[in-house]
N, C-alpha and C. Protein backbone atom coordinates (compact mmCIF):
# COMPACT_ATOMS: atom_id res chain seq x y z
N MET A 1 -30.27 -51.32 -35.20
CA MET A 1 -29.18 -51.05 -34.36
C MET A 1 -28.66 -49.57 -33.81
N SER A 2 -29.96 -48.88 -34.54
CA SER A 2 -29.72 -47.27 -33.93
C SER A 2 -30.26 -47.27 -32.44
N GLU A 3 -31.12 -47.96 -31.97
CA GLU A 3 -31.65 -48.38 -30.77
C GLU A 3 -30.73 -48.69 -30.12
N ALA A 4 -29.52 -49.71 -29.97
CA ALA A 4 -28.68 -50.07 -29.28
C ALA A 4 -27.37 -48.91 -29.07
N LEU A 5 -27.66 -48.19 -29.94
CA LEU A 5 -26.31 -47.11 -29.97
C LEU A 5 -26.78 -45.94 -29.20
N LYS A 6 -28.38 -45.77 -29.03
CA LYS A 6 -28.78 -44.35 -28.18
C LYS A 6 -27.97 -44.34 -26.95
N PRO A 7 -28.28 -45.40 -26.02
CA PRO A 7 -28.10 -45.38 -24.84
C PRO A 7 -26.48 -44.95 -24.56
N ILE A 8 -25.39 -45.72 -25.39
CA ILE A 8 -24.17 -45.47 -25.65
C ILE A 8 -23.48 -43.71 -26.08
N MET A 9 -24.49 -43.34 -26.94
CA MET A 9 -23.89 -41.88 -26.75
C MET A 9 -24.61 -41.02 -25.89
N HIS A 10 -25.73 -41.29 -25.38
CA HIS A 10 -25.98 -40.77 -24.19
C HIS A 10 -25.13 -40.81 -22.73
N GLN A 11 -24.49 -42.14 -22.98
CA GLN A 11 -23.56 -42.31 -21.80
C GLN A 11 -22.14 -41.17 -22.03
N GLY A 12 -22.03 -41.29 -23.42
CA GLY A 12 -20.84 -40.45 -23.69
C GLY A 12 -20.77 -38.90 -23.42
N PHE A 13 -22.05 -38.34 -24.02
CA PHE A 13 -22.07 -37.19 -23.92
C PHE A 13 -22.99 -36.32 -22.86
N LYS A 14 -23.80 -36.78 -22.20
CA LYS A 14 -24.29 -36.86 -20.79
C LYS A 14 -23.46 -37.57 -19.09
N VAL A 15 -22.92 -38.64 -19.47
CA VAL A 15 -22.40 -39.23 -18.44
C VAL A 15 -21.12 -38.89 -18.07
N MET A 16 -20.29 -39.00 -19.40
CA MET A 16 -18.91 -38.83 -19.55
C MET A 16 -18.72 -37.08 -19.93
N ASN A 17 -19.39 -36.56 -20.24
CA ASN A 17 -19.10 -34.92 -20.91
C ASN A 17 -18.30 -34.88 -22.20
N LEU A 18 -18.62 -35.85 -22.66
CA LEU A 18 -17.49 -35.57 -24.12
C LEU A 18 -18.04 -34.71 -24.90
N GLN A 19 -16.77 -33.93 -25.88
CA GLN A 19 -17.67 -32.98 -26.44
C GLN A 19 -17.77 -33.33 -27.69
N ARG A 20 -17.13 -34.95 -28.10
CA ARG A 20 -17.19 -35.31 -29.38
C ARG A 20 -17.39 -36.76 -29.62
N VAL A 21 -17.90 -37.35 -30.64
CA VAL A 21 -18.08 -39.06 -30.74
C VAL A 21 -17.67 -38.88 -32.08
N GLU A 22 -16.61 -39.68 -32.40
CA GLU A 22 -16.27 -39.81 -33.57
C GLU A 22 -16.42 -41.52 -34.07
N ALA A 23 -16.58 -41.53 -35.36
CA ALA A 23 -16.93 -43.03 -35.91
C ALA A 23 -16.22 -43.00 -37.23
N PHE A 24 -15.66 -44.14 -37.42
CA PHE A 24 -15.05 -44.47 -39.00
C PHE A 24 -15.78 -45.92 -39.23
N ALA A 25 -16.24 -45.72 -40.63
CA ALA A 25 -16.82 -47.19 -41.42
C ALA A 25 -15.97 -46.94 -42.78
N SER A 26 -16.32 -48.07 -43.40
CA SER A 26 -15.95 -48.65 -44.93
C SER A 26 -16.48 -47.37 -45.31
N PRO A 27 -16.17 -46.74 -46.78
CA PRO A 27 -17.39 -46.34 -47.73
C PRO A 27 -18.34 -46.92 -48.12
N ARG A 28 -17.65 -47.67 -48.03
CA ARG A 28 -18.33 -49.33 -49.32
C ARG A 28 -19.45 -50.10 -48.59
N ASN A 29 -19.35 -49.79 -46.91
CA ASN A 29 -20.51 -50.34 -46.05
C ASN A 29 -21.65 -49.29 -46.27
N GLU A 30 -22.57 -49.23 -46.98
CA GLU A 30 -23.74 -48.29 -47.03
C GLU A 30 -24.48 -48.61 -45.71
N PRO A 31 -24.55 -49.92 -45.10
CA PRO A 31 -25.83 -49.93 -43.83
C PRO A 31 -25.20 -48.52 -42.92
N SER A 32 -23.62 -49.14 -42.80
CA SER A 32 -23.11 -48.19 -41.72
C SER A 32 -23.09 -46.88 -41.69
N VAL A 33 -22.85 -46.57 -43.24
CA VAL A 33 -22.61 -44.97 -43.28
C VAL A 33 -24.22 -44.37 -43.34
N LYS A 34 -25.72 -44.87 -43.77
CA LYS A 34 -26.39 -44.43 -43.58
C LYS A 34 -26.84 -44.89 -42.07
N LEU A 35 -26.69 -45.57 -41.17
CA LEU A 35 -26.87 -45.28 -39.78
C LEU A 35 -26.47 -44.08 -39.07
N LEU A 36 -24.74 -44.14 -39.31
CA LEU A 36 -24.34 -42.88 -38.70
C LEU A 36 -24.89 -41.64 -39.02
N LYS A 37 -25.28 -41.49 -40.42
CA LYS A 37 -26.14 -40.28 -40.95
C LYS A 37 -27.01 -39.67 -40.54
N ASN A 38 -28.15 -41.35 -40.29
CA ASN A 38 -29.27 -40.96 -39.29
C ASN A 38 -29.58 -40.54 -37.97
N LEU A 39 -28.22 -40.88 -37.52
CA LEU A 39 -27.91 -40.85 -36.08
C LEU A 39 -27.35 -39.26 -35.85
N GLY A 40 -27.46 -38.43 -37.24
CA GLY A 40 -27.22 -37.23 -37.09
C GLY A 40 -25.49 -36.85 -37.13
N PHE A 41 -24.91 -37.69 -37.57
CA PHE A 41 -23.29 -37.90 -37.66
C PHE A 41 -22.84 -36.92 -38.76
N VAL A 42 -21.87 -36.08 -38.76
CA VAL A 42 -21.59 -35.48 -39.85
C VAL A 42 -20.27 -36.17 -40.50
N ASN A 43 -20.09 -36.39 -41.88
CA ASN A 43 -19.27 -36.84 -42.49
C ASN A 43 -17.86 -35.74 -42.93
N GLU A 44 -16.99 -36.16 -41.94
CA GLU A 44 -15.67 -35.24 -41.93
C GLU A 44 -15.21 -35.42 -43.21
N GLY A 45 -14.73 -37.00 -43.55
CA GLY A 45 -14.10 -36.81 -45.01
C GLY A 45 -13.37 -38.29 -44.85
N LEU A 46 -12.33 -38.61 -45.49
CA LEU A 46 -11.77 -39.62 -45.80
C LEU A 46 -10.53 -39.94 -45.27
N MET A 47 -10.09 -41.12 -44.96
CA MET A 47 -8.89 -41.47 -44.54
C MET A 47 -8.70 -42.71 -45.70
N ARG A 48 -8.05 -42.00 -46.51
CA ARG A 48 -7.34 -43.16 -47.26
C ARG A 48 -6.10 -44.26 -46.59
N LYS A 49 -6.46 -45.25 -46.92
CA LYS A 49 -5.32 -46.36 -46.78
C LYS A 49 -5.12 -46.43 -45.12
N HIS A 50 -6.71 -46.64 -44.59
CA HIS A 50 -6.15 -46.22 -43.11
C HIS A 50 -6.30 -47.41 -42.46
N PHE A 51 -6.95 -48.58 -42.78
CA PHE A 51 -6.33 -49.96 -42.52
C PHE A 51 -5.93 -51.08 -43.55
N PHE A 52 -5.58 -51.63 -42.78
CA PHE A 52 -5.03 -53.01 -43.68
C PHE A 52 -5.66 -54.30 -43.33
N VAL A 53 -6.45 -54.73 -44.44
CA VAL A 53 -7.47 -56.36 -43.97
C VAL A 53 -6.58 -57.03 -45.64
N ASN A 54 -6.79 -58.00 -45.28
CA ASN A 54 -6.62 -59.06 -46.47
C ASN A 54 -5.91 -58.72 -47.44
N ASP A 55 -4.70 -58.20 -46.79
CA ASP A 55 -3.74 -57.97 -47.94
C ASP A 55 -3.83 -56.64 -48.65
N VAL A 56 -4.51 -55.95 -48.70
CA VAL A 56 -5.07 -54.95 -49.02
C VAL A 56 -5.33 -53.67 -48.53
N TYR A 57 -4.96 -52.35 -48.44
CA TYR A 57 -5.31 -51.00 -47.73
C TYR A 57 -6.47 -50.70 -48.21
N GLU A 58 -7.22 -50.54 -47.05
CA GLU A 58 -8.66 -49.69 -47.46
C GLU A 58 -8.48 -48.14 -46.76
N ASP A 59 -9.85 -47.80 -47.43
CA ASP A 59 -9.96 -46.32 -46.96
C ASP A 59 -11.22 -46.48 -45.31
N SER A 60 -11.06 -45.26 -45.27
CA SER A 60 -11.98 -44.91 -43.73
C SER A 60 -12.95 -43.99 -43.99
N ALA A 61 -13.85 -43.87 -44.01
CA ALA A 61 -15.16 -42.53 -43.96
C ALA A 61 -15.16 -41.87 -42.49
N VAL A 62 -14.70 -40.78 -41.99
CA VAL A 62 -14.57 -40.30 -40.81
C VAL A 62 -16.10 -39.21 -40.35
N PHE A 63 -16.87 -39.40 -39.56
CA PHE A 63 -17.85 -39.11 -38.96
C PHE A 63 -17.72 -38.95 -37.73
N SER A 64 -18.32 -37.66 -37.46
CA SER A 64 -18.49 -37.07 -35.76
C SER A 64 -19.41 -36.37 -35.29
N LEU A 65 -19.70 -36.44 -34.21
CA LEU A 65 -21.01 -35.81 -33.59
C LEU A 65 -20.39 -34.80 -32.46
N LEU A 66 -20.92 -33.68 -32.77
CA LEU A 66 -20.71 -32.94 -31.38
C LEU A 66 -21.58 -32.88 -30.25
N ASP A 67 -21.62 -32.56 -28.95
CA ASP A 67 -22.56 -32.55 -28.00
C ASP A 67 -23.60 -31.32 -28.14
N THR A 68 -22.98 -30.63 -28.66
CA THR A 68 -24.34 -29.32 -29.21
C THR A 68 -25.21 -29.99 -30.40
N GLU A 69 -24.80 -30.88 -31.25
CA GLU A 69 -25.61 -31.41 -32.44
C GLU A 69 -26.33 -32.34 -31.36
N TYR A 70 -26.11 -33.09 -30.72
CA TYR A 70 -26.60 -34.24 -29.74
C TYR A 70 -27.84 -33.48 -28.84
N ASP A 71 -27.64 -32.38 -27.94
CA ASP A 71 -28.37 -31.60 -27.38
C ASP A 71 -29.62 -30.94 -28.19
N ALA A 72 -29.07 -30.58 -29.83
CA ALA A 72 -30.45 -29.95 -30.06
C ALA A 72 -31.29 -31.27 -30.39
N GLN A 73 -30.53 -32.50 -31.60
CA GLN A 73 -31.51 -33.57 -31.76
C GLN A 73 -32.32 -34.14 -30.28
N ILE A 74 -32.01 -33.98 -29.27
CA ILE A 74 -32.67 -34.31 -28.18
C ILE A 74 -33.86 -33.32 -27.69
N ASN A 75 -33.56 -32.38 -27.64
CA ASN A 75 -34.33 -31.16 -27.94
C ASN A 75 -35.69 -30.97 -28.92
N GLN A 76 -35.31 -31.47 -30.06
CA GLN A 76 -36.19 -31.27 -31.08
C GLN A 76 -36.94 -32.61 -31.24
N SER A 77 -36.43 -34.03 -30.51
CA SER A 77 -37.70 -35.18 -30.32
C SER A 77 -38.63 -34.97 -28.98
N ARG A 78 -38.22 -33.52 -28.06
CA ARG A 78 -39.20 -33.43 -27.09
C ARG A 78 -40.26 -33.13 -27.70
């Protein structure tokens, strides 16, 4: 999955010149949380009762990656 996200991140940061990319994941979805952390996303916190599914309010973990962090990753991998 990380290989699929890399071109999307490149598009956002290098083509669209975004300063920030955000991602939301259920804190219980350990594979998604691990993927975001492996891609360099920083956990910014928890949005309590962020969405409603199956008659239950669920929390969302908030992650972000800044353009400067993305650039540092690219330069480090060279």
